[in-house]
Protein backbone atom coordinates (compact mmCIF):
# COMPACT_ATOMS: atom_id res chain seq x y z
CA MET A 1 94.33 54.24 11.12
CA THR A 2 93.38 53.51 14.71
CA PRO A 3 89.83 52.61 15.85
CA SER A 4 89.52 56.03 17.50
CA GLN A 5 90.48 57.71 14.23
CA ASP A 6 87.93 55.59 12.32
CA SER A 7 85.27 56.75 14.75
CA ALA A 8 86.31 60.37 14.29
CA LEU A 9 86.18 60.02 10.52
CA ASP A 10 82.65 58.61 10.76
CA SER A 11 81.58 61.78 12.54
CA ALA A 12 83.20 64.13 9.97
CA SER A 13 79.91 64.89 8.20
CA VAL A 14 78.26 65.69 11.54
CA GLN A 15 81.08 68.08 12.41
CA GLU A 16 80.78 69.69 8.97
CA ASN A 17 77.08 70.33 9.50
CA ILE A 18 77.84 71.88 12.90
CA LEU A 19 80.44 74.16 11.31
CA ILE A 20 77.99 75.27 8.62
CA GLU A 21 75.42 76.12 11.29
CA ARG A 22 77.97 78.00 13.43
CA ALA A 23 79.26 79.88 10.37
CA ALA A 24 75.71 81.06 9.61
CA ILE A 25 75.39 82.27 13.22
CA ALA A 26 78.74 84.07 12.95
CA LEU A 27 77.52 85.95 9.87
CA ASP A 28 74.31 86.93 11.68
CA GLU A 29 76.33 88.20 14.62
CA ARG A 30 78.62 90.11 12.30
CA ARG A 31 75.64 91.77 10.64
CA ASP A 32 73.99 92.59 13.96
CA ALA A 33 77.24 94.18 15.18
CA GLY A 34 77.15 96.52 12.18
CA LEU A 35 80.22 95.07 10.47
CA ASP A 36 78.70 94.21 7.10
CA GLY A 37 80.36 96.33 4.44
CA PHE A 38 83.27 97.39 6.65
CA VAL A 39 85.82 94.98 5.18
CA GLY A 40 86.62 94.74 1.49
CA GLY A 41 88.93 92.46 -0.46
CA LEU A 42 92.52 91.55 0.21
CA ASP A 43 94.77 94.60 -0.13
CA SER A 44 98.11 92.96 0.66
CA ALA A 45 99.92 90.24 2.56
CA ILE A 46 102.96 90.79 4.77
CA ILE A 47 105.80 88.26 4.62
CA THR A 48 108.66 88.60 7.10
CA THR A 49 112.05 86.97 6.56
CA GLU A 50 115.37 86.82 8.33
CA THR A 51 117.51 89.88 7.50
CA ASP A 52 120.01 87.93 5.41
CA HIS A 53 117.20 86.22 3.48
CA LEU A 54 115.28 89.37 2.56
CA VAL A 55 116.89 90.19 -0.79
CA PRO A 56 117.05 86.53 -1.91
CA ALA A 57 113.37 86.12 -1.00
CA VAL A 58 112.37 89.19 -3.03
CA TYR A 59 114.46 88.11 -6.02
CA GLU A 60 112.98 84.62 -5.88
CA LEU A 61 109.44 86.03 -6.05
CA LEU A 62 110.42 88.30 -8.95
CA ARG A 63 112.00 85.34 -10.72
CA TYR A 64 109.13 82.88 -10.31
CA THR A 65 105.95 85.03 -10.39
CA GLY A 66 104.53 87.95 -12.35
CA LEU A 67 105.13 90.32 -9.43
CA ALA A 68 107.27 93.43 -9.94
CA CYS A 69 108.99 95.52 -7.28
CA THR A 70 107.05 98.79 -7.07
CA GLU A 71 108.34 100.29 -3.82
CA ALA A 72 111.11 99.90 -1.24
CA PHE A 73 111.76 101.68 2.05
CA PHE A 74 113.50 101.62 5.41
CA ASP A 75 111.90 102.62 8.68
CA THR A 76 113.03 102.38 12.29
CA ASP A 77 111.90 98.78 12.60
CA SER A 78 112.33 97.13 9.22
CA GLN A 79 113.36 97.12 5.59
CA SER A 80 110.55 96.42 3.13
CA TYR A 81 109.93 95.72 -0.54
CA VAL A 82 106.47 95.96 -2.11
CA LEU A 83 105.73 93.52 -4.94
CA SER A 84 102.70 94.05 -7.15
CA VAL A 85 100.96 92.95 -10.32
CA PRO A 86 97.87 94.67 -11.79
CA GLY A 87 94.56 93.40 -10.46
CA SER A 88 96.08 91.60 -7.48
CA ALA A 89 96.78 92.09 -3.81
CA SER A 90 100.37 93.16 -3.19
CA LEU A 91 103.04 91.35 -1.20
CA ILE A 92 105.04 93.35 1.35
CA VAL A 93 108.25 91.43 2.02
CA ARG A 94 110.27 92.69 4.95
CA SER A 95 112.80 91.92 7.65
CA ARG A 96 112.03 93.03 11.18
CA GLY A 97 115.51 93.78 12.51
CA SER A 98 115.96 93.77 16.27
CA ALA A 99 112.39 94.65 17.23
CA ARG A 100 110.35 92.26 19.37
CA ASN A 101 108.60 89.65 17.24
CA PRO A 102 104.97 89.10 18.31
CA PHE A 103 104.82 86.04 16.03
CA ALA A 104 107.76 84.26 17.65
CA GLY A 105 105.59 81.75 19.50
CA ALA A 106 103.62 80.82 16.39
CA ASN A 107 106.82 80.29 14.40
CA ALA A 108 108.17 77.51 16.60
CA GLY A 109 108.35 74.02 15.15
CA ARG A 110 110.68 71.05 14.97
CA LEU A 111 112.23 72.31 11.71
CA THR A 112 111.93 76.12 11.97
CA GLY A 113 115.07 76.73 14.02
CA PRO A 114 117.18 78.27 11.20
CA LEU A 115 114.36 80.70 10.30
CA PRO A 116 112.81 81.74 13.63
CA ASN A 117 111.33 85.02 12.35
CA THR A 118 110.12 83.84 8.95
CA ARG A 119 106.45 83.50 8.00
CA LEU A 120 103.60 85.08 6.09
CA GLU A 121 102.37 87.06 9.08
CA SER A 122 99.37 89.12 8.04
CA PHE A 123 96.57 89.31 5.50
CA VAL A 124 95.57 92.96 5.13
CA PHE A 125 92.04 93.89 4.03
CA SER A 126 90.69 97.26 3.00
CA THR A 127 88.06 99.26 4.89
CA PRO A 128 86.28 102.58 4.25
CA ASP A 129 86.26 103.49 7.98
CA ILE A 130 88.96 102.03 10.18
CA GLN A 131 87.90 103.90 13.32
CA GLU A 132 84.37 102.53 13.18
CA TYR A 133 85.65 99.03 12.44
CA LEU A 134 88.06 99.27 15.35
CA ALA A 135 85.40 100.50 17.75
CA ILE A 136 83.04 97.66 16.87
CA GLN A 137 85.70 94.96 17.06
CA LYS A 138 87.10 96.22 20.36
CA GLY A 139 83.56 96.07 21.68
CA ARG A 140 83.49 92.41 20.65
CA GLY A 141 86.73 91.70 22.51
CA THR A 142 89.13 91.64 19.56
CA GLN A 143 92.74 92.36 20.55
CA PHE A 144 95.11 94.41 18.37
CA LEU A 145 98.89 94.77 18.28
CA THR A 146 98.66 98.54 18.78
CA PRO A 147 96.12 100.53 20.82
CA GLU A 148 95.29 102.77 17.87
CA PRO A 149 95.88 102.65 14.10
CA ILE A 150 99.27 103.52 12.68
CA VAL A 151 98.69 106.68 10.63
CA SER A 152 100.72 108.02 7.70
CA ASP A 153 99.96 110.67 5.11
CA TYR A 154 98.45 107.95 2.90
CA PHE A 155 96.80 105.34 5.11
CA SER A 156 95.64 104.22 8.54
CA PHE A 157 96.53 100.63 9.48
CA ILE A 158 96.01 98.26 12.37
CA GLN A 159 96.33 94.50 12.81
CA THR A 160 95.07 91.92 15.24
CA ASN A 161 97.21 89.93 17.60
CA PRO A 162 98.41 86.66 16.06
CA SER A 163 95.61 84.12 16.09
CA PRO A 164 95.92 81.29 18.64
CA TYR A 165 94.56 78.97 15.92
CA THR A 166 96.47 79.99 12.79
CA GLY A 167 99.37 82.14 14.01
CA ASN A 168 98.28 84.70 11.39
CA SER A 169 97.12 88.27 11.90
CA VAL A 170 94.34 90.11 10.09
CA GLY A 171 95.30 93.62 9.09
CA ILE A 172 92.90 96.43 8.22
CA ILE A 173 93.91 99.41 6.07
CA GLU A 174 92.02 102.58 5.14
CA TRP A 175 93.57 104.42 2.24
CA LEU A 176 93.43 108.21 2.39
CA ASP A 177 93.19 110.53 -0.59
CA GLY A 178 96.17 110.80 -2.90
CA MET A 179 99.05 108.53 -3.85
CA GLN A 180 99.13 105.03 -2.39
CA THR A 181 102.43 104.16 -0.73
CA TYR A 182 103.01 101.62 2.02
CA ALA A 183 105.91 103.58 3.49
CA PRO A 184 105.00 104.62 7.05
CA LYS A 185 105.55 108.11 8.40
CA GLY A 186 109.26 108.79 8.85
CA ALA A 187 110.37 106.01 6.49
CA THR A 188 113.16 106.50 3.97
CA VAL A 189 111.92 105.59 0.50
CA ILE A 190 114.58 104.13 -1.77
CA SER A 191 114.68 103.10 -5.40
CA PRO A 192 114.05 99.35 -5.68
CA ASP A 193 117.47 97.81 -6.22
CA ILE A 194 116.48 94.28 -7.25
CA THR A 195 116.03 93.67 -10.98
CA LYS A 196 113.25 91.42 -12.22
CA PRO A 197 114.34 88.88 -14.86
CA ALA A 198 112.94 89.74 -18.29
CA TYR A 199 111.30 86.35 -18.89
CA LYS A 200 108.21 86.49 -21.11
CA HIS A 201 106.57 83.50 -19.39
CA LEU A 202 106.31 85.44 -16.11
CA LYS A 203 103.54 87.52 -17.71
CA ASN A 204 101.43 84.34 -17.64
CA ILE A 205 101.53 84.35 -13.83
CA THR A 206 99.03 86.91 -12.64
CA LYS A 207 97.05 87.63 -9.49
CA LEU A 208 97.08 85.98 -6.09
CA ASP A 209 94.23 83.46 -6.21
CA HIS A 210 94.26 82.06 -2.68
CA ALA A 211 96.50 81.22 0.25
CA ALA A 212 96.28 78.13 2.44
CA THR A 213 97.03 78.00 6.16
CA ARG A 214 97.69 74.73 7.98
CA VAL A 215 95.71 74.51 11.25
CA ARG A 216 95.36 71.72 13.80
CA ALA A 217 92.38 69.39 13.49
CA GLN A 218 90.95 70.48 16.82
CA ASP A 219 91.19 74.18 15.84
CA ARG A 220 89.68 74.04 12.36
CA SER A 221 86.23 75.37 13.24
CA ALA A 222 87.57 78.03 15.60
CA ALA A 223 90.07 79.26 12.98
CA ILE A 224 87.42 79.61 10.30
CA LEU A 225 84.86 81.26 12.58
CA GLU A 226 87.48 83.70 13.87
CA PHE A 227 88.35 84.71 10.30
CA LEU A 228 84.68 85.19 9.40
CA SER A 229 84.22 87.43 12.45
CA LEU A 230 87.07 89.73 11.32
CA THR A 231 86.22 90.00 7.61
CA ASN A 232 83.25 89.98 5.25
CA TYR A 233 84.01 86.44 4.09
CA HIS A 234 81.69 83.43 4.37
CA TYR A 235 82.40 79.72 4.73
CA ASP A 236 81.98 78.02 1.37
CA PHE A 237 82.84 74.31 1.57
CA GLY A 238 85.27 71.68 2.81
CA VAL A 239 86.88 68.80 0.93
CA HIS A 240 87.58 65.77 3.14
CA VAL A 241 90.49 63.57 2.03
CA LYS A 242 90.16 60.63 4.41
CA SER A 243 93.13 58.77 2.92
CA GLN A 244 95.37 61.67 3.98
CA ASN A 245 93.51 62.55 7.22
CA SER A 246 93.00 66.04 5.81
CA ILE A 247 90.28 68.63 5.24
CA THR A 248 90.69 71.56 2.87
CA SER A 249 88.20 74.32 3.76
CA VAL A 250 87.48 77.40 1.67
CA ALA A 251 86.20 80.84 2.76
CA ARG A 252 85.33 83.42 0.10
CA ARG A 253 83.91 86.91 -0.18
CA ASN A 254 82.67 86.32 -3.71
CA LYS A 255 83.52 83.99 -6.58
CA GLU A 256 86.08 86.29 -8.22
CA ASP A 257 87.84 87.42 -5.05
CA PHE A 258 90.92 86.14 -3.26
CA ALA A 259 89.99 83.02 -1.27
CA MET A 260 91.24 82.00 2.17
CA VAL A 261 91.90 78.29 2.54
CA PHE A 262 92.35 76.37 5.80
CA THR A 263 93.82 72.87 5.70
CA SER A 264 93.65 70.71 8.81
CA GLY A 265 93.65 67.13 9.90
CA ILE A 266 90.35 65.35 10.30
CA THR A 267 91.66 63.88 13.53
CA PRO A 268 94.38 65.37 15.77
CA TYR A 269 98.04 64.46 15.59
CA THR A 270 99.06 61.12 17.11
CA GLY A 271 102.21 60.36 15.10
CA ASP A 272 103.81 61.26 11.78
CA GLU A 273 102.78 58.11 9.93
CA ALA A 274 99.26 57.77 11.30
CA SER A 275 98.29 61.43 11.17
CA GLY A 276 99.08 62.24 7.54
CA PRO A 277 100.95 65.10 5.86
CA THR A 278 98.86 68.03 7.11
CA GLU A 279 99.26 67.31 10.82
CA LYS A 280 102.89 66.28 10.24
CA PHE A 281 103.56 69.65 8.57
CA ILE A 282 102.19 71.48 11.61
CA ARG A 283 104.31 69.33 13.89
CA ASN A 284 107.41 70.31 11.88
CA TYR A 285 106.69 73.96 11.08
CA GLY A 286 103.85 75.12 13.32
CA THR A 287 100.55 76.56 12.15
CA ARG A 288 101.33 78.84 9.23
CA VAL A 289 100.62 79.62 5.58
CA HIS A 290 101.70 76.63 3.53
CA HIS A 291 101.29 78.06 0.04
CA MET A 292 100.31 81.05 -2.05
CA ALA A 293 98.48 80.26 -5.30
CA PHE A 294 98.88 82.38 -8.43
CA GLN A 295 96.53 82.32 -11.39
CA THR A 296 98.52 81.09 -14.37
CA GLU A 297 97.79 81.19 -18.09
CA ARG A 298 99.40 78.71 -20.52
CA ILE A 299 100.20 76.66 -17.44
CA GLU A 300 101.92 73.72 -19.14
CA GLU A 301 104.34 75.97 -21.03
CA THR A 302 104.85 78.24 -18.03
CA VAL A 303 105.67 75.39 -15.65
CA ALA A 304 108.08 73.92 -18.20
CA LEU A 305 109.93 77.23 -18.39
CA LEU A 306 109.96 77.61 -14.60
CA LYS A 307 111.59 74.17 -14.44
CA LYS A 308 114.11 75.27 -17.03
CA ASP A 309 114.92 78.16 -14.70
CA HIS A 310 115.67 75.64 -11.93
CA MET A 311 112.42 75.80 -10.00
CA GLU A 312 111.81 72.48 -8.24
CA PHE A 313 108.32 71.02 -7.75
CA LEU A 314 106.78 68.63 -5.25
CA LEU A 315 104.87 66.80 -8.00
CA GLU A 316 103.92 67.03 -11.66
CA LEU A 317 100.93 69.03 -12.89
CA VAL A 318 97.66 67.52 -11.67
CA GLY A 319 94.23 67.79 -13.27
CA SER A 320 93.33 68.34 -16.90
CA GLU A 321 91.42 70.62 -19.24
CA THR A 322 88.63 68.03 -19.28
CA GLU A 323 88.35 68.24 -15.50
CA GLY A 324 88.47 72.05 -15.75
CA LEU A 325 91.52 72.65 -13.56
CA ARG A 326 95.30 72.19 -13.47
CA GLN A 327 97.56 72.86 -10.47
CA ILE A 328 101.08 72.28 -9.20
CA PHE A 329 103.08 72.91 -6.02
CA SER A 330 106.66 74.15 -6.02
CA GLU A 331 109.09 73.02 -3.38
CA PRO A 332 109.04 75.36 -0.36
CA SER A 333 111.22 78.45 -0.56
CA GLN A 334 114.43 78.33 1.46
CA HIS A 335 113.89 82.00 2.23
CA THR A 336 110.18 82.22 3.13
CA MET A 337 109.24 78.55 3.76
CA ILE A 338 106.23 79.15 1.47
CA VAL A 339 105.23 76.93 -1.45
CA ASN A 340 104.14 78.56 -4.72
CA GLU A 341 101.07 77.05 -6.32
CA TYR A 342 100.35 77.71 -9.98
CA ILE A 343 96.69 77.22 -10.90
CA HIS A 344 94.64 77.47 -14.07
CA ARG A 345 90.87 77.04 -14.36
CA TYR A 346 89.62 76.34 -17.85
CA GLY A 347 86.69 77.96 -19.63
CA ASP A 348 83.44 77.85 -17.70
CA PHE A 349 84.76 75.69 -14.85
CA ASN A 350 82.45 76.69 -12.02
CA GLY A 351 84.23 75.10 -9.09
CA PHE A 352 87.17 76.10 -6.98
CA PHE A 353 88.98 72.76 -6.51
CA THR A 354 88.46 69.18 -7.62
CA ARG A 355 88.62 66.38 -5.07
CA SER A 356 91.20 64.39 -7.06
CA ASN A 357 93.53 67.40 -7.31
CA VAL A 358 93.22 68.14 -3.60
CA GLU A 359 94.12 64.55 -2.75
CA LYS A 360 97.23 64.54 -4.97
CA LEU A 361 98.42 67.96 -3.77
CA THR A 362 97.90 67.00 -0.12
CA GLU A 363 99.85 63.79 -0.61
CA ALA A 364 102.74 65.74 -2.20
CA THR A 365 103.19 67.85 0.94
CA ALA A 366 104.44 64.73 2.73
CA LYS A 367 107.76 65.34 0.92
CA GLN A 368 108.42 68.55 2.88
């Protein structure tokens, strides 16, 4: 650690207090703009893959999570599969085809060359009134990928431009009356043609708990404040892991809801060794979602059976029942570049993470 990094670490608590103050201001501004109540929980997340990786990516998720394929369709721009489990946000896994990729710039990294179009692109949140939301946000200067919402018989949908801080987009969807289907107008709906393995342990893997995006140290506050301005989330807390030059920051809507996690360096990148695994990851892969976490029952047994089915992990299970929490990271998917986290909170555990678990999980990402 260099003297300049030591100085930056000494100021971490000051920076945290500034972020807390700015987050409170962002919530006041959101309320004053009339946005409170316009954004609900996470409806879905959109993962885009290369065309030849689409089916393997879907099968991998069916094989290693509780998700089932509930819908599939073609449209003029893409082929998509919808994966769902009761009580959880859905995953829409798709390939874009030949259309222009607005996320191309965010995807660039030293090691992303073989998968230039692959990333978790968008987190889509529900709204009761997309037109009002859009009018307010446009008045605040928010930029969207389309001038107006995309409208089908079942929904209206729009998404922001990719963030300059995270590379992610925030989508907003208003469901109309009747059946819910993600197929856009003019799409060809097909019968899902990928069979889910009939493994009993997959029933232990349930809803999407959180997702974590890697952001640069200098963009941490801006990324969090931007997300708060687009949703009804609030900043909850940050865990500083000085030994790894890393901060894990959590935004939540409420205790039971899907959480958005931002992991950044404490100090900006200066070199792979000095800057730690978080900043090194960004150097290699760009700012992007690092992992999706799934709530998991009977976690020890479930992980053992996932290993038996050839899933590889970055480390062994961390935490304990005594500490209230157990977690583990898989190796990143060769098809989506995303790590699966399996997480179980015991009994009346009232926290979200434990510092010791965060430190061990962060250290394990150095293997990527």
